[in-house]
Amino acid sequence: MIIQSKKVWIADQFMPAQIEIENGKIASVGAYGKKPVDVDYGDKRTGLAECDVSGMLASGIATISEGGMRKTAERVAAEAEKRSCKKIIIGLPKNMDGTEGERTEVIRAFAALVREYTEIEIDFYDERMTTMVAYRFLGETGTFGKKRKNAVDTLSAEIILQNYIDK
């Protein structure tokens, strides 16, 4: 496999990119600088989202239901490695006044476990109100019941990551 560095047209602009060529054909094109993945950790379900190659748009990718903090941390690290991510963003549930409560301690413990499985940089981002926004959006789109339960964590992760990108 040959990897070339070129400027390519991505998201209405020329951006530096890596082009992988295999057997004389383009195998993949990716923006320089690997993309971040976001994690909305929950005790039962954890949502994941990643950024597109332009670095401008977040998309939900999965909901993890591994069972247990350690197994979830291992799976998150594996997903980030598999997707060649440069950074793992973990939603930090701050109180409405901006202070950190008991739940932030759980999230920081989760992040410490993720660090045991990967060397990818970890950052935190305020996730206040994201689950509420996700529920509201799902309600407005007519998504209820089991479909809603399965989508809310991934959508929350997507919202957190999009907020992080837009900051």
Foldseek 3Di string as FASTA:
>chain_A
DDWDWDFDQDPNDTAIWIFDADPNHTPDIAGPAFWEKEWEDDQAKIWIWIAGRVLQAIDTDAIDGPHDLLRVLLVVLVVCVVRVHQEYEYEAADDPVRHHDPVNVVSVVSVVSNVVNDVRHYHYFHLPCLLVVLLVVCVVVVNDDPRSVRCSNSSSRRVRSNVVSVD
